[in-house]
Amino acid sequence: MLPPELPPLPALTRAEAELIDRYLEVVDLVGRINPARAEHTYGGLRAAQALVGRATALRDALDLMHQRGESEVHAVTLARALRVLDGERRARRVGVPPPTHPWPPTRP
């Protein structure tokens, strides 16, 4: 049995698509750096090194939108695109995971 088909991406300009792609790359890297989820320092170090280039690409995507006169961000449409591209799951890695034990510790 095949998995259900994902809904189609909403219509985006090239610059909006570039913005979404670069944003998700940054989110993925920040998720790898997150000390609350990391297991080793080396992976976080590599992700942090790559983050510089990806953040620059994200800035360039926003700059291109601005230069082309795309001064408004259509948040509802871009949020739909992020959902289709699994952005909610990817962004959860950036946050602090729920505690595995009660905090603060209870006193006897």
Protein backbone atom coordinates (compact mmCIF):
# COMPACT_ATOMS: atom_id res chain seq x y z
CA MET A 1 0.00 0.00 0.00
CA LEU A 2 1.35 3.42 -0.95
CA PRO A 3 1.54 6.25 1.59
CA PRO A 4 -1.06 8.99 1.14
CA GLU A 5 -0.11 11.70 -1.31
CA LEU A 6 0.99 15.00 0.14
CA PRO A 7 -1.10 18.01 -0.73
CA PRO A 8 0.43 20.08 -3.52
CA LEU A 9 2.59 23.05 -2.64
CA PRO A 10 0.76 26.35 -2.93
CA ALA A 11 1.73 28.60 -5.80
CA LEU A 12 4.88 30.48 -4.83
CA THR A 13 7.09 32.93 -6.62
CA ARG A 14 10.64 31.72 -7.24
CA ALA A 15 11.86 34.04 -4.52
CA GLU A 16 9.28 32.71 -2.03
CA ALA A 17 10.27 29.13 -2.83
CA GLU A 18 13.91 30.05 -2.31
CA LEU A 19 13.02 31.68 1.03
CA ILE A 20 11.20 28.54 2.21
CA ASP A 21 14.05 26.25 1.14
CA ARG A 22 16.74 28.37 2.79
CA TYR A 23 14.65 28.82 5.96
CA LEU A 24 14.18 25.07 6.34
CA GLU A 25 17.91 24.51 5.85
CA VAL A 26 18.62 26.93 8.70
CA VAL A 27 15.97 25.28 10.90
CA ASP A 28 17.49 21.85 10.25
CA LEU A 29 20.95 23.09 11.20
CA VAL A 30 19.77 24.85 14.36
CA GLY A 31 17.96 21.64 15.30
CA ARG A 32 21.25 19.74 14.96
CA ILE A 33 23.02 22.33 17.13
CA ASN A 34 20.34 22.29 19.87
CA PRO A 35 22.21 21.23 23.03
CA ALA A 36 19.02 19.81 24.54
CA ARG A 37 18.90 17.22 21.75
CA ALA A 38 22.55 16.71 20.77
CA GLU A 39 24.54 13.60 21.56
CA HIS A 40 28.00 14.67 20.41
CA THR A 41 29.78 18.00 20.02
CA TYR A 42 31.19 17.22 16.58
CA GLY A 43 27.80 17.14 14.86
CA GLY A 44 26.85 20.43 16.48
CA LEU A 45 30.17 21.95 15.46
CA ARG A 46 29.70 20.90 11.83
CA ALA A 47 26.14 22.21 11.81
CA ALA A 48 27.27 25.53 13.32
CA GLN A 49 29.94 25.88 10.65
CA ALA A 50 27.40 25.23 7.91
CA LEU A 51 24.91 27.61 9.51
CA VAL A 52 26.96 30.65 8.50
CA GLY A 53 26.60 29.85 4.79
CA ARG A 54 22.94 28.88 5.06
CA ALA A 55 22.08 32.04 7.00
CA THR A 56 23.78 34.08 4.28
CA ALA A 57 21.71 32.27 1.64
CA LEU A 58 18.55 32.97 3.66
CA ARG A 59 19.46 36.64 3.85
CA ASP A 60 20.10 36.68 0.10
CA ALA A 61 16.69 35.10 -0.58
CA LEU A 62 14.97 37.81 1.46
CA ASP A 63 17.08 40.50 -0.22
CA LEU A 64 16.08 39.19 -3.65
CA MET A 65 12.40 39.31 -2.69
CA HIS A 66 12.83 42.89 -1.52
CA GLN A 67 14.69 43.90 -4.70
CA ARG A 68 11.94 42.39 -6.85
CA GLY A 69 9.33 44.46 -5.05
CA GLU A 70 7.95 41.56 -3.04
CA SER A 71 7.63 43.65 0.09
CA GLU A 72 4.89 41.61 1.76
CA VAL A 73 5.24 38.14 3.22
CA HIS A 74 2.13 36.08 2.58
CA ALA A 75 2.32 34.19 5.87
CA VAL A 76 -0.73 31.97 5.34
CA THR A 77 0.53 30.71 1.98
CA LEU A 78 4.09 30.27 3.21
CA ALA A 79 2.86 28.43 6.31
CA ARG A 80 0.97 26.00 4.03
CA ALA A 81 4.17 25.41 2.07
CA LEU A 82 6.10 24.80 5.30
CA ARG A 83 3.51 22.23 6.44
CA VAL A 84 3.71 20.37 3.12
CA LEU A 85 7.51 20.29 3.45
CA ASP A 86 7.31 18.88 7.01
CA GLY A 87 8.34 22.19 8.55
CA GLU A 88 6.43 21.59 11.79
CA ARG A 89 8.36 18.41 12.60
CA ARG A 90 11.65 19.97 11.52
CA ALA A 91 11.07 23.08 13.66
CA ARG A 92 10.23 20.99 16.76
CA ARG A 93 13.90 19.95 16.93
CA VAL A 94 14.80 23.57 17.64
CA GLY A 95 12.78 23.68 20.88
CA VAL A 96 13.52 22.14 24.24
CA PRO A 97 12.08 18.62 24.48
CA PRO A 98 9.56 17.84 27.21
CA PRO A 99 11.12 16.65 30.46
CA THR A 100 11.61 12.94 30.90
CA HIS A 101 11.25 13.29 34.67
CA PRO A 102 9.38 15.79 36.86
CA TRP A 103 11.06 19.13 37.38
CA PRO A 104 11.77 20.54 39.85
CA PRO A 105 12.62 17.37 41.72
CA THR A 106 10.27 16.55 44.53
CA ARG A 107 11.66 16.62 48.04
CA PRO A 108 11.11 13.67 50.35
